[in-house]
PDB file of N, CA and C in Angstrom:
ATOM      1  N   MET A   1       8.119  80.732 107.223  1.00  0.00           N
ATOM      2  CA  MET A   1       8.014  79.288 107.250  1.00  0.00           C
ATOM      3  C   MET A   1       8.905  78.717 108.340  1.00  0.00           C
ATOM      4  N   ALA A   2       8.499  77.585 108.864  1.00  0.00           N
ATOM      5  CA  ALA A   2       9.223  76.938 109.951  1.00  0.00           C
ATOM      6  C   ALA A   2      10.270  75.967 109.387  1.00  0.00           C
ATOM      7  N   HIS A   3      11.256  75.666 110.209  1.00  0.00           N
ATOM      8  CA  HIS A   3      12.314  74.725 109.846  1.00  0.00           C
ATOM      9  C   HIS A   3      12.024  73.385 110.514  1.00  0.00           C
ATOM     10  N   TYR A   4      12.176  72.308 109.747  1.00  0.00           N
ATOM     11  CA  TYR A   4      11.947  70.960 110.255  1.00  0.00           C
ATOM     12  C   TYR A   4      13.081  70.047 109.816  1.00  0.00           C
ATOM     13  N   GLU A   5      13.303  69.006 110.615  1.00  0.00           N
ATOM     14  CA  GLU A   5      14.170  67.903 110.218  1.00  0.00           C
ATOM     15  C   GLU A   5      13.294  66.662 110.159  1.00  0.00           C
ATOM     16  N   HIS A   6      13.266  66.019 109.005  1.00  0.00           N
ATOM     17  CA  HIS A   6      12.456  64.821 108.787  1.00  0.00           C
ATOM     18  C   HIS A   6      13.407  63.665 108.512  1.00  0.00           C
ATOM     19  N   VAL A   7      13.375  62.656 109.366  1.00  0.00           N
ATOM     20  CA  VAL A   7      14.222  61.478 109.204  1.00  0.00           C
ATOM     21  C   VAL A   7      13.309  60.285 108.981  1.00  0.00           C
ATOM     22  N   PHE A   8      13.628  59.485 107.964  1.00  0.00           N
ATOM     23  CA  PHE A   8      12.867  58.260 107.773  1.00  0.00           C
ATOM     24  C   PHE A   8      13.806  57.078 107.602  1.00  0.00           C
ATOM     25  N   LEU A   9      13.294  55.905 107.973  1.00  0.00           N
ATOM     26  CA  LEU A   9      14.019  54.653 107.873  1.00  0.00           C
ATOM     27  C   LEU A   9      13.332  53.805 106.819  1.00  0.00           C
ATOM     28  N   ALA A  10      14.100  53.389 105.821  1.00  0.00           N
ATOM     29  CA  ALA A  10      13.574  52.565 104.744  1.00  0.00           C
ATOM     30  C   ALA A  10      14.016  51.116 104.957  1.00  0.00           C
ATOM     31  N   ARG A  11      13.236  50.183 104.439  1.00  0.00           N
ATOM     32  CA  ARG A  11      13.514  48.756 104.598  1.00  0.00           C
ATOM     33  C   ARG A  11      14.935  48.409 104.153  1.00  0.00           C
ATOM     34  N   GLN A  12      15.507  47.395 104.790  1.00  0.00           N
ATOM     35  CA  GLN A  12      16.890  47.000 104.523  1.00  0.00           C
ATOM     36  C   GLN A  12      17.077  46.352 103.166  1.00  0.00           C
ATOM     37  N   ASP A  13      16.024  45.769 102.590  1.00  0.00           N
ATOM     38  CA  ASP A  13      16.189  45.056 101.330  1.00  0.00           C
ATOM     39  C   ASP A  13      16.055  45.948 100.101  1.00  0.00           C
ATOM     40  N   LEU A  14      15.910  47.251 100.301  1.00  0.00           N
ATOM     41  CA  LEU A  14      15.844  48.184  99.175  1.00  0.00           C
ATOM     42  C   LEU A  14      17.238  48.495  98.660  1.00  0.00           C
ATOM     43  N   ALA A  15      17.340  48.716  97.358  1.00  0.00           N
ATOM     44  CA  ALA A  15      18.599  49.163  96.764  1.00  0.00           C
ATOM     45  C   ALA A  15      18.770  50.658  97.045  1.00  0.00           C
ATOM     46  N   GLN A  16      20.003  51.121  96.947  1.00  0.00           N
ATOM     47  CA  GLN A  16      20.268  52.541  97.205  1.00  0.00           C
ATOM     48  C   GLN A  16      19.488  53.438  96.242  1.00  0.00           C
ATOM     49  N   ALA A  17      19.308  52.996  95.008  1.00  0.00           N
ATOM     50  CA  ALA A  17      18.544  53.790  94.036  1.00  0.00           C
ATOM     51  C   ALA A  17      17.095  53.933  94.474  1.00  0.00           C
ATOM     52  N   GLN A  18      16.531  52.897  95.086  1.00  0.00           N
ATOM     53  CA  GLN A  18      15.157  52.980  95.572  1.00  0.00           C
ATOM     54  C   GLN A  18      15.052  53.923  96.768  1.00  0.00           C
ATOM     55  N   VAL A  19      16.064  53.914  97.619  1.00  0.00           N
ATOM     56  CA  VAL A  19      16.084  54.829  98.764  1.00  0.00           C
ATOM     57  C   VAL A  19      16.173  56.273  98.268  1.00  0.00           C
ATOM     58  N   ASP A  20      17.021  56.504  97.262  1.00  0.00           N
ATOM     59  CA  ASP A  20      17.129  57.844  96.680  1.00  0.00           C
ATOM     60  C   ASP A  20      15.803  58.266  96.063  1.00  0.00           C
ATOM     61  N   ALA A  21      15.067  57.323  95.462  1.00  0.00           N
ATOM     62  CA  ALA A  21      13.770  57.629  94.881  1.00  0.00           C
ATOM     63  C   ALA A  21      12.762  58.011  95.967  1.00  0.00           C
ATOM     64  N   LEU A  22      12.839  57.362  97.133  1.00  0.00           N
ATOM     65  CA  LEU A  22      11.974  57.733  98.250  1.00  0.00           C
ATOM     66  C   LEU A  22      12.271  59.153  98.720  1.00  0.00           C
ATOM     67  N   ALA A  23      13.558  59.503  98.788  1.00  0.00           N
ATOM     68  CA  ALA A  23      13.941  60.857  99.192  1.00  0.00           C
ATOM     69  C   ALA A  23      13.454  61.878  98.173  1.00  0.00           C
ATOM     70  N   GLU A  24      13.545  61.548  96.883  1.00  0.00           N
ATOM     71  CA  GLU A  24      13.064  62.464  95.851  1.00  0.00           C
ATOM     72  C   GLU A  24      11.551  62.610  95.896  1.00  0.00           C
ATOM     73  N   ALA A  25      10.846  61.523  96.215  1.00  0.00           N
ATOM     74  CA  ALA A  25       9.393  61.592  96.340  1.00  0.00           C
ATOM     75  C   ALA A  25       9.000  62.500  97.506  1.00  0.00           C
ATOM     76  N   ALA A  26       9.727  62.400  98.617  1.00  0.00           N
ATOM     77  CA  ALA A  26       9.463  63.267  99.765  1.00  0.00           C
ATOM     78  C   ALA A  26       9.747  64.727  99.401  1.00  0.00           C
ATOM     79  N   THR A  27      10.827  64.956  98.667  1.00  0.00           N
ATOM     80  CA  THR A  27      11.159  66.315  98.227  1.00  0.00           C
ATOM     81  C   THR A  27      10.061  66.872  97.333  1.00  0.00           C
ATOM     82  N   LYS A  28       9.531  66.051  96.454  1.00  0.00           N
ATOM     83  CA  LYS A  28       8.467  66.485  95.554  1.00  0.00           C
ATOM     84  C   LYS A  28       7.199  66.854  96.336  1.00  0.00           C
ATOM     85  N   ILE A  29       6.876  66.064  97.353  1.00  0.00           N
ATOM     86  CA  ILE A  29       5.712  66.367  98.191  1.00  0.00           C
ATOM     87  C   ILE A  29       5.880  67.728  98.841  1.00  0.00           C
ATOM     88  N   VAL A  30       7.066  67.982  99.382  1.00  0.00           N
ATOM     89  CA  VAL A  30       7.327  69.258 100.059  1.00  0.00           C
ATOM     90  C   VAL A  30       7.232  70.413  99.065  1.00  0.00           C
ATOM     91  N   GLU A  31       7.847  70.258  97.896  1.00  0.00           N
ATOM     92  CA  GLU A  31       7.838  71.338  96.916  1.00  0.00           C
ATOM     93  C   GLU A  31       6.456  71.578  96.329  1.00  0.00           C
ATOM     94  N   ASP A  32       5.630  70.533  96.206  1.00  0.00           N
ATOM     95  CA  ASP A  32       4.265  70.695  95.705  1.00  0.00           C
ATOM     96  C   ASP A  32       3.374  71.449  96.680  1.00  0.00           C
ATOM     97  N   HIS A  33       3.768  71.493  97.944  1.00  0.00           N
ATOM     98  CA  HIS A  33       2.983  72.181  98.969  1.00  0.00           C
ATOM     99  C   HIS A  33       3.681  73.451  99.462  1.00  0.00           C
ATOM    100  N   GLN A  34       4.336  74.164  98.577  1.00  0.00           N
ATOM    101  CA  GLN A  34       4.978  75.458  98.836  1.00  0.00           C
ATOM    102  C   GLN A  34       6.060  75.390  99.909  1.00  0.00           C
ATOM    103  N   GLY A  35       6.768  74.281  99.983  1.00  0.00           N
ATOM    104  CA  GLY A  35       7.882  74.159 100.905  1.00  0.00           C
ATOM    105  C   GLY A  35       9.182  74.023 100.133  1.00  0.00           C
ATOM    106  N   LYS A  36      10.279  73.909 100.867  1.00  0.00           N
ATOM    107  CA  LYS A  36      11.592  73.791 100.232  1.00  0.00           C
ATOM    108  C   LYS A  36      12.456  72.849 101.067  1.00  0.00           C
ATOM    109  N   VAL A  37      13.112  71.898 100.392  1.00  0.00           N
ATOM    110  CA  VAL A  37      14.063  71.013 101.060  1.00  0.00           C
ATOM    111  C   VAL A  37      15.436  71.652 100.911  1.00  0.00           C
ATOM    112  N   THR A  38      16.047  72.021 102.036  1.00  0.00           N
ATOM    113  CA  THR A  38      17.325  72.717 101.985  1.00  0.00           C
ATOM    114  C   THR A  38      18.510  71.756 101.971  1.00  0.00           C
ATOM    115  N   LYS A  39      18.331  70.542 102.534  1.00  0.00           N
ATOM    116  CA  LYS A  39      19.441  69.592 102.566  1.00  0.00           C
ATOM    117  C   LYS A  39      18.881  68.177 102.651  1.00  0.00           C
ATOM    118  N   THR A  40      19.519  67.273 101.926  1.00  0.00           N
ATOM    119  CA  THR A  40      19.179  65.851 101.985  1.00  0.00           C
ATOM    120  C   THR A  40      20.451  65.080 102.287  1.00  0.00           C
ATOM    121  N   GLU A  41      20.406  64.256 103.329  1.00  0.00           N
ATOM    122  CA  GLU A  41      21.560  63.432 103.694  1.00  0.00           C
ATOM    123  C   GLU A  41      21.140  61.977 103.783  1.00  0.00           C
ATOM    124  N   THR A  42      21.910  61.120 103.153  1.00  0.00           N
ATOM    125  CA  THR A  42      21.706  59.683 103.269  1.00  0.00           C
ATOM    126  C   THR A  42      22.758  59.155 104.217  1.00  0.00           C
ATOM    127  N   TRP A  43      22.317  58.618 105.345  1.00  0.00           N
ATOM    128  CA  TRP A  43      23.243  58.147 106.365  1.00  0.00           C
ATOM    129  C   TRP A  43      23.646  56.700 106.146  1.00  0.00           C
ATOM    130  N   GLY A  44      23.027  56.032 105.202  1.00  0.00           N
ATOM    131  CA  GLY A  44      23.419  54.675 104.848  1.00  0.00           C
ATOM    132  C   GLY A  44      22.635  53.603 105.580  1.00  0.00           C
ATOM    133  N   LEU A  45      23.048  52.381 105.364  1.00  0.00           N
ATOM    134  CA  LEU A  45      22.425  51.212 105.986  1.00  0.00           C
ATOM    135  C   LEU A  45      23.041  51.019 107.362  1.00  0.00           C
ATOM    136  N   ARG A  46      22.208  51.111 108.389  1.00  0.00           N
ATOM    137  CA  ARG A  46      22.688  51.044 109.767  1.00  0.00           C
ATOM    138  C   ARG A  46      21.871  50.016 110.546  1.00  0.00           C
ATOM    139  N   SER A  47      22.465  49.458 111.568  1.00  0.00           N
ATOM    140  CA  SER A  47      21.771  48.489 112.423  1.00  0.00           C
ATOM    141  C   SER A  47      20.756  49.202 113.297  1.00  0.00           C
ATOM    142  N   LEU A  48      19.649  48.531 113.555  1.00  0.00           N
ATOM    143  CA  LEU A  48      18.614  49.054 114.435  1.00  0.00           C
ATOM    144  C   LEU A  48      18.851  48.543 115.852  1.00  0.00           C
ATOM    145  N   ALA A  49      18.363  49.252 116.841  1.00  0.00           N
ATOM    146  CA  ALA A  49      18.501  48.817 118.224  1.00  0.00           C
ATOM    147  C   ALA A  49      17.639  47.585 118.493  1.00  0.00           C
ATOM    148  N   TYR A  50      16.521  47.469 117.793  1.00  0.00           N
ATOM    149  CA  TYR A  50      15.638  46.315 117.919  1.00  0.00           C
ATOM    150  C   TYR A  50      14.954  46.091 116.572  1.00  0.00           C
ATOM    151  N   ARG A  51      14.410  44.898 116.379  1.00  0.00           N
ATOM    152  CA  ARG A  51      13.776  44.570 115.103  1.00  0.00           C
ATOM    153  C   ARG A  51      12.493  45.368 114.927  1.00  0.00           C
ATOM    154  N   ILE A  52      12.313  45.883 113.735  1.00  0.00           N
ATOM    155  CA  ILE A  52      11.096  46.602 113.366  1.00  0.00           C
ATOM    156  C   ILE A  52      10.563  45.933 112.115  1.00  0.00           C
ATOM    157  N   SER A  53       9.378  45.364 112.198  1.00  0.00           N
ATOM    158  CA  SER A  53       8.749  44.699 111.055  1.00  0.00           C
ATOM    159  C   SER A  53       9.706  43.707 110.384  1.00  0.00           C
ATOM    160  N   LYS A  54      10.342  42.881 111.192  1.00  0.00           N
ATOM    161  CA  LYS A  54      11.281  41.845 110.732  1.00  0.00           C
ATOM    162  C   LYS A  54      12.561  42.401 110.108  1.00  0.00           C
ATOM    163  N   ASN A  55      12.861  43.666 110.314  1.00  0.00           N
ATOM    164  CA  ASN A  55      14.084  44.277 109.795  1.00  0.00           C
ATOM    165  C   ASN A  55      15.062  44.493 110.942  1.00  0.00           C
ATOM    166  N   ARG A  56      16.310  44.080 110.735  1.00  0.00           N
ATOM    167  CA  ARG A  56      17.369  44.318 111.718  1.00  0.00           C
ATOM    168  C   ARG A  56      18.212  45.539 111.350  1.00  0.00           C
ATOM    169  N   LYS A  57      18.119  45.974 110.089  1.00  0.00           N
ATOM    170  CA  LYS A  57      18.845  47.144 109.606  1.00  0.00           C
ATOM    171  C   LYS A  57      17.871  48.024 108.833  1.00  0.00           C
ATOM    172  N   ALA A  58      18.277  49.261 108.583  1.00  0.00           N
ATOM    173  CA  ALA A  58      17.449  50.169 107.797  1.00  0.00           C
ATOM    174  C   ALA A  58      18.334  51.224 107.149  1.00  0.00           C
ATOM    175  N   HIS A  59      17.862  51.750 106.030  1.00  0.00           N
ATOM    176  CA  HIS A  59      18.507  52.879 105.360  1.00  0.00           C
ATOM    177  C   HIS A  59      17.971  54.151 106.020  1.00  0.00           C
ATOM    178  N   TYR A  60      18.868  55.004 106.500  1.00  0.00           N
ATOM    179  CA  TYR A  60      18.487  56.250 107.162  1.00  0.00           C
ATOM    180  C   TYR A  60      18.647  57.407 106.178  1.00  0.00           C
ATOM    181  N   VAL A  61      17.640  58.286 106.132  1.00  0.00           N
ATOM    182  CA  VAL A  61      17.680  59.466 105.281  1.00  0.00           C
ATOM    183  C   VAL A  61      17.138  60.647 106.085  1.00  0.00           C
ATOM    184  N   MET A  62      17.824  61.789 106.009  1.00  0.00           N
ATOM    185  CA  MET A  62      17.387  62.993 106.703  1.00  0.00           C
ATOM    186  C   MET A  62      17.174  64.118 105.705  1.00  0.00           C
ATOM    187  N   LEU A  63      16.043  64.820 105.850  1.00  0.00           N
ATOM    188  CA  LEU A  63      15.734  65.984 105.022  1.00  0.00           C
ATOM    189  C   LEU A  63      15.579  67.194 105.927  1.00  0.00           C
ATOM    190  N   GLU A  64      16.218  68.298 105.584  1.00  0.00           N
ATOM    191  CA  GLU A  64      15.963  69.567 106.262  1.00  0.00           C
ATOM    192  C   GLU A  64      14.967  70.325 105.410  1.00  0.00           C
ATOM    193  N   ILE A  65      13.879  70.779 106.036  1.00  0.00           N
ATOM    194  CA  ILE A  65      12.744  71.335 105.310  1.00  0.00           C
ATOM    195  C   ILE A  65      12.394  72.713 105.849  1.00  0.00           C
ATOM    196  N   ASP A  66      12.094  73.633 104.939  1.00  0.00           N
ATOM    197  CA  ASP A  66      11.465  74.918 105.275  1.00  0.00           C
ATOM    198  C   ASP A  66      10.073  74.860 104.682  1.00  0.00           C
ATOM    199  N   ALA A  67       9.058  74.752 105.529  1.00  0.00           N
ATOM    200  CA  ALA A  67       7.707  74.560 105.004  1.00  0.00           C
ATOM    201  C   ALA A  67       6.667  74.914 106.062  1.00  0.00           C
ATOM    202  N   PRO A  68       5.437  75.184 105.625  1.00  0.00           N
ATOM    203  CA  PRO A  68       4.344  75.369 106.586  1.00  0.00           C
ATOM    204  C   PRO A  68       3.944  74.033 107.206  1.00  0.00           C
ATOM    205  N   GLY A  69       3.192  74.079 108.293  1.00  0.00           N
ATOM    206  CA  GLY A  69       2.824  72.876 109.034  1.00  0.00           C
ATOM    207  C   GLY A  69       1.993  71.881 108.245  1.00  0.00           C
ATOM    208  N   ASP A  70       1.095  72.371 107.365  1.00  0.00           N
ATOM    209  CA  ASP A  70       0.263  71.435 106.605  1.00  0.00           C
ATOM    210  C   ASP A  70       1.092  70.611 105.622  1.00  0.00           C
ATOM    211  N   THR A  71       2.213  71.140 105.181  1.00  0.00           N
ATOM    212  CA  THR A  71       3.119  70.384 104.304  1.00  0.00           C
ATOM    213  C   THR A  71       3.721  69.205 105.060  1.00  0.00           C
ATOM    214  N   VAL A  72       4.115  69.449 106.291  1.00  0.00           N
ATOM    215  CA  VAL A  72       4.681  68.387 107.117  1.00  0.00           C
ATOM    216  C   VAL A  72       3.624  67.325 107.406  1.00  0.00           C
ATOM    217  N   ALA A  73       2.398  67.744 107.639  1.00  0.00           N
ATOM    218  CA  ALA A  73       1.313  66.788 107.874  1.00  0.00           C
ATOM    219  C   ALA A  73       1.116  65.892 106.654  1.00  0.00           C
ATOM    220  N   GLU A  74       1.165  66.460 105.452  1.00  0.00           N
ATOM    221  CA  GLU A  74       1.015  65.678 104.233  1.00  0.00           C
ATOM    222  C   GLU A  74       2.206  64.742 104.033  1.00  0.00           C
ATOM    223  N   LEU A  75       3.407  65.217 104.324  1.00  0.00           N
ATOM    224  CA  LEU A  75       4.604  64.388 104.206  1.00  0.00           C
ATOM    225  C   LEU A  75       4.516  63.186 105.145  1.00  0.00           C
ATOM    226  N   GLU A  76       4.102  63.407 106.381  1.00  0.00           N
ATOM    227  CA  GLU A  76       3.963  62.321 107.340  1.00  0.00           C
ATOM    228  C   GLU A  76       2.836  61.371 106.946  1.00  0.00           C
ATOM    229  N   ARG A  77       1.760  61.892 106.374  1.00  0.00           N
ATOM    230  CA  ARG A  77       0.663  61.042 105.911  1.00  0.00           C
ATOM    231  C   ARG A  77       1.155  60.093 104.827  1.00  0.00           C
ATOM    232  N   GLN A  78       1.905  60.650 103.860  1.00  0.00           N
ATOM    233  CA  GLN A  78       2.439  59.828 102.766  1.00  0.00           C
ATOM    234  C   GLN A  78       3.463  58.810 103.277  1.00  0.00           C
ATOM    235  N   ALA A  79       4.266  59.191 104.264  1.00  0.00           N
ATOM    236  CA  ALA A  79       5.254  58.268 104.829  1.00  0.00           C
ATOM    237  C   ALA A  79       4.549  57.118 105.546  1.00  0.00           C
ATOM    238  N   GLY A  80       3.450  57.398 106.199  1.00  0.00           N
ATOM    239  CA  GLY A  80       2.695  56.353 106.879  1.00  0.00           C
ATOM    240  C   GLY A  80       2.065  55.361 105.922  1.00  0.00           C
ATOM    241  N   ILE A  81       1.713  55.816 104.732  1.00  0.00           N
ATOM    242  CA  ILE A  81       1.101  54.951 103.722  1.00  0.00           C
ATOM    243  C   ILE A  81       2.141  54.074 103.038  1.00  0.00           C
ATOM    244  N   ASN A  82       3.335  54.608 102.816  1.00  0.00           N
ATOM    245  CA  ASN A  82       4.375  53.906 102.055  1.00  0.00           C
ATOM    246  C   ASN A  82       4.883  52.696 102.832  1.00  0.00           C
ATOM    247  N   GLU A  83       4.801  51.516 102.229  1.00  0.00           N
ATOM    248  CA  GLU A  83       5.225  50.296 102.905  1.00  0.00           C
ATOM    249  C   GLU A  83       6.740  50.138 102.947  1.00  0.00           C
ATOM    250  N   ASP A  84       7.479  50.907 102.169  1.00  0.00           N
ATOM    251  CA  ASP A  84       8.934  50.839 102.192  1.00  0.00           C
ATOM    252  C   ASP A  84       9.531  51.621 103.361  1.00  0.00           C
ATOM    253  N   ILE A  85       8.772  52.540 103.935  1.00  0.00           N
ATOM    254  CA  ILE A  85       9.230  53.330 105.079  1.00  0.00           C
ATOM    255  C   ILE A  85       8.731  52.664 106.346  1.00  0.00           C
ATOM    256  N   ILE A  86       9.685  52.229 107.203  1.00  0.00           N
ATOM    257  CA  ILE A  86       9.277  51.505 108.406  1.00  0.00           C
ATOM    258  C   ILE A  86       9.132  52.419 109.624  1.00  0.00           C
ATOM    259  N   ARG A  87       9.806  53.552 109.639  1.00  0.00           N
ATOM    260  CA  ARG A  87       9.664  54.548 110.708  1.00  0.00           C
ATOM    261  C   ARG A  87       9.992  55.922 110.132  1.00  0.00           C
ATOM    262  N   TYR A  88       9.422  56.956 110.753  1.00  0.00           N
ATOM    263  CA  TYR A  88       9.760  58.325 110.389  1.00  0.00           C
ATOM    264  C   TYR A  88       9.547  59.218 111.601  1.00  0.00           C
ATOM    265  N   MET A  89      10.217  60.346 111.610  1.00  0.00           N
ATOM    266  CA  MET A  89      10.039  61.326 112.671  1.00  0.00           C
ATOM    267  C   MET A  89      10.372  62.701 112.120  1.00  0.00           C
ATOM    268  N   THR A  90       9.532  63.654 112.444  1.00  0.00           N
ATOM    269  CA  THR A  90       9.755  65.033 112.038  1.00  0.00           C
ATOM    270  C   THR A  90       9.795  65.894 113.291  1.00  0.00           C
ATOM    271  N   ILE A  91      10.823  66.719 113.396  1.00  0.00           N
ATOM    272  CA  ILE A  91      10.908  67.629 114.532  1.00  0.00           C
ATOM    273  C   ILE A  91      11.075  69.055 114.017  1.00  0.00           C
ATOM    274  N   LYS A  92      10.547  69.987 114.780  1.00  0.00           N
ATOM    275  CA  LYS A  92      10.698  71.395 114.444  1.00  0.00           C
ATOM    276  C   LYS A  92      11.972  71.907 115.105  1.00  0.00           C
ATOM    277  N   VAL A  93      12.806  72.596 114.333  1.00  0.00           N
ATOM    278  CA  VAL A  93      14.051  73.151 114.864  1.00  0.00           C
ATOM    279  C   VAL A  93      14.012  74.669 114.735  1.00  0.00           C
ATOM    280  N   ASP A  94      14.801  75.336 115.566  1.00  0.00           N
ATOM    281  CA  ASP A  94      14.824  76.799 115.532  1.00  0.00           C
ATOM    282  C   ASP A  94      15.417  77.332 114.244  1.00  0.00           C
ATOM    283  N   GLU A  95      16.506  76.716 113.802  1.00  0.00           N
ATOM    284  CA  GLU A  95      17.141  77.135 112.553  1.00  0.00           C
ATOM    285  C   GLU A  95      17.823  75.937 111.910  1.00  0.00           C
ATOM    286  N   ALA A  96      18.013  76.012 110.622  1.00  0.00           N
ATOM    287  CA  ALA A  96      18.658  74.924 109.899  1.00  0.00           C
ATOM    288  C   ALA A  96      20.136  74.858 110.289  1.00  0.00           C
ATOM    289  N   GLU A  97      20.642  73.665 110.427  1.00  0.00           N
ATOM    290  CA  GLU A  97      22.036  73.464 110.804  1.00  0.00           C
ATOM    291  C   GLU A  97      22.936  73.733 109.610  1.00  0.00           C
ATOM    292  N   ALA A  98      23.949  74.536 109.808  1.00  0.00           N
ATOM    293  CA  ALA A  98      24.898  74.839 108.730  1.00  0.00           C
ATOM    294  C   ALA A  98      25.918  73.709 108.653  1.00  0.00           C
ATOM    295  N   GLY A  99      26.228  73.294 107.449  1.00  0.00           N
ATOM    296  CA  GLY A  99      27.209  72.237 107.258  1.00  0.00           C
ATOM    297  C   GLY A  99      26.585  70.867 107.449  1.00  0.00           C
ATOM    298  N   PRO A 100      27.425  69.834 107.526  1.00  0.00           N
ATOM    299  CA  PRO A 100      26.908  68.472 107.666  1.00  0.00           C
ATOM    300  C   PRO A 100      26.314  68.232 109.056  1.00  0.00           C
ATOM    301  N   SER A 101      25.393  67.283 109.128  1.00  0.00           N
ATOM    302  CA  SER A 101      24.761  66.957 110.399  1.00  0.00           C
ATOM    303  C   SER A 101      25.748  66.200 111.288  1.00  0.00           C
ATOM    304  N   VAL A 102      25.340  65.968 112.522  1.00  0.00           N
ATOM    305  CA  VAL A 102      26.177  65.253 113.477  1.00  0.00           C
ATOM    306  C   VAL A 102      26.485  63.847 112.974  1.00  0.00           C
ATOM    307  N   MET A 103      25.510  63.186 112.373  1.00  0.00           N
ATOM    308  CA  MET A 103      25.722  61.824 111.874  1.00  0.00           C
ATOM    309  C   MET A 103      26.773  61.801 110.757  1.00  0.00           C
ATOM    310  N   MET A 104      26.729  62.768 109.864  1.00  0.00           N
ATOM    311  CA  MET A 104      27.708  62.810 108.775  1.00  0.00           C
ATOM    312  C   MET A 104      29.100  63.135 109.307  1.00  0.00           C
ATOM    313  N   ARG A 105      29.192  64.015 110.304  1.00  0.00           N
ATOM    314  CA  ARG A 105      30.491  64.318 110.902  1.00  0.00           C
ATOM    315  C   ARG A 105      31.051  63.087 111.600  1.00  0.00           C
ATOM    316  N   LYS A 106      30.196  62.299 112.255  1.00  0.00           N
ATOM    317  CA  LYS A 106      30.637  61.077 112.927  1.00  0.00           C
ATOM    318  C   LYS A 106      31.183  60.076 111.918  1.00  0.00           C
ATOM    319  N   GLN A 107      30.508  59.914 110.780  1.00  0.00           N
ATOM    320  CA  GLN A 107      30.982  58.984 109.767  1.00  0.00           C
ATOM    321  C   GLN A 107      32.345  59.406 109.232  1.00  0.00           C
ATOM    322  N   GLU A 108      32.530  60.686 109.019  1.00  0.00           N
ATOM    323  CA  GLU A 108      33.815  61.191 108.524  1.00  0.00           C
ATOM    324  C   GLU A 108      34.912  60.981 109.571  1.00  0.00           C
ATOM    325  N   ARG A 109      34.582  61.213 110.833  1.00  0.00           N
ATOM    326  CA  ARG A 109      35.547  61.015 111.912  1.00  0.00           C
ATOM    327  C   ARG A 109      35.944  59.537 112.008  1.00  0.00           C
ATOM    328  N   ASP A 110      34.975  58.639 111.856  1.00  0.00           N
ATOM    329  CA  ASP A 110      35.275  57.204 111.906  1.00  0.00           C
ATOM    330  C   ASP A 110      36.170  56.786 110.745  1.00  0.00           C
ATOM    331  N   ARG A 111      35.927  57.341 109.556  1.00  0.00           N
ATOM    332  CA  ARG A 111      36.783  57.026 108.405  1.00  0.00           C
ATOM    333  C   ARG A 111      38.214  57.497 108.644  1.00  0.00           C
ATOM    334  N   GLU A 112      38.354  58.671 109.234  1.00  0.00           N
ATOM    335  CA  GLU A 112      39.686  59.217 109.515  1.00  0.00           C
ATOM    336  C   GLU A 112      40.419  58.339 110.524  1.00  0.00           C
ATOM    337  N   ARG A 113      39.722  57.863 111.545  1.00  0.00           N
ATOM    338  CA  ARG A 113      40.344  56.977 112.532  1.00  0.00           C
ATOM    339  C   ARG A 113      40.813  55.687 111.877  1.00  0.00           C
ATOM    340  N   GLY A 114      40.006  55.151 110.960  1.00  0.00           N
ATOM    341  CA  GLY A 114      40.381  53.927 110.250  1.00  0.00           C
ATOM    342  C   GLY A 114      41.642  54.124 109.430  1.00  0.00           C
ATOM    343  N   ARG A 115      41.751  55.287 108.772  1.00  0.00           N
ATOM    344  CA  ARG A 115      42.950  55.578 107.976  1.00  0.00           C
ATOM    345  C   ARG A 115      44.184  55.648 108.870  1.00  0.00           C
ATOM    346  N   ARG A 116      44.032  56.293 110.025  1.00  0.00           N
ATOM    347  CA  ARG A 116      45.167  56.414 110.940  1.00  0.00           C
ATOM    348  C   ARG A 116      45.610  55.049 111.454  1.00  0.00           C
ATOM    349  N   ARG A 117      44.657  54.175 111.760  1.00  0.00           N
ATOM    350  CA  ARG A 117      44.998  52.832 112.237  1.00  0.00           C
ATOM    351  C   ARG A 117      45.738  52.044 111.161  1.00  0.00           C
ATOM    352  N   GLU A 118      45.296  52.169 109.916  1.00  0.00           N
ATOM    353  CA  GLU A 118      45.967  51.472 108.814  1.00  0.00           C
ATOM    354  C   GLU A 118      47.394  51.967 108.655  1.00  0.00           C
ATOM    355  N   GLU A 119      47.604  53.279 108.797  1.00  0.00           N
ATOM    356  CA  GLU A 119      48.955  53.836 108.662  1.00  0.00           C
ATOM    357  C   GLU A 119      49.848  53.359 109.803  1.00  0.00           C
ATOM    358  N   GLU A 120      49.273  53.252 111.025  1.00  0.00           N
ATOM    359  CA  GLU A 120      50.062  52.792 112.167  1.00  0.00           C
ATOM    360  C   GLU A 120      50.442  51.325 112.022  1.00  0.00           C
ATOM    361  N   ASN A 121      49.549  50.533 111.477  1.00  0.00           N
ATOM    362  CA  ASN A 121      49.802  49.091 111.320  1.00  0.00           C
ATOM    363  C   ASN A 121      50.675  48.772 110.130  1.00  0.00           C
ATOM    364  N   ALA A 122      50.826  49.687 109.202  1.00  0.00           N
ATOM    365  CA  ALA A 122      51.624  49.428 107.988  1.00  0.00           C
ATOM    366  C   ALA A 122      53.103  49.597 108.212  1.00  0.00           C
TER     367      ALA A 122
END
């Protein structure tokens, strides 16, 4: 089976529980089609570079998937139908990334910088 990274952007007015439900629905689609989701990361509510369907922000979610190609086609079909998902992209990768993704490492690094600034100012 091939390795894929599937990232989708959910509308800004959704609650975090609804975003988690979208991720679980995507996981269920993959598992129903003989695939496996190896990692799910929620990157949070982030600003968009430009407005998409009247949204200035979106909830970002990334899934790492081991699945055949027809599973990815079905996942993308369902994402296109869902009105809560405003954008999605799936890319094929050579191997699954070990540990947290670049986005999660960046968030952790930013939190650490904030802590250091608070300690310097105190």
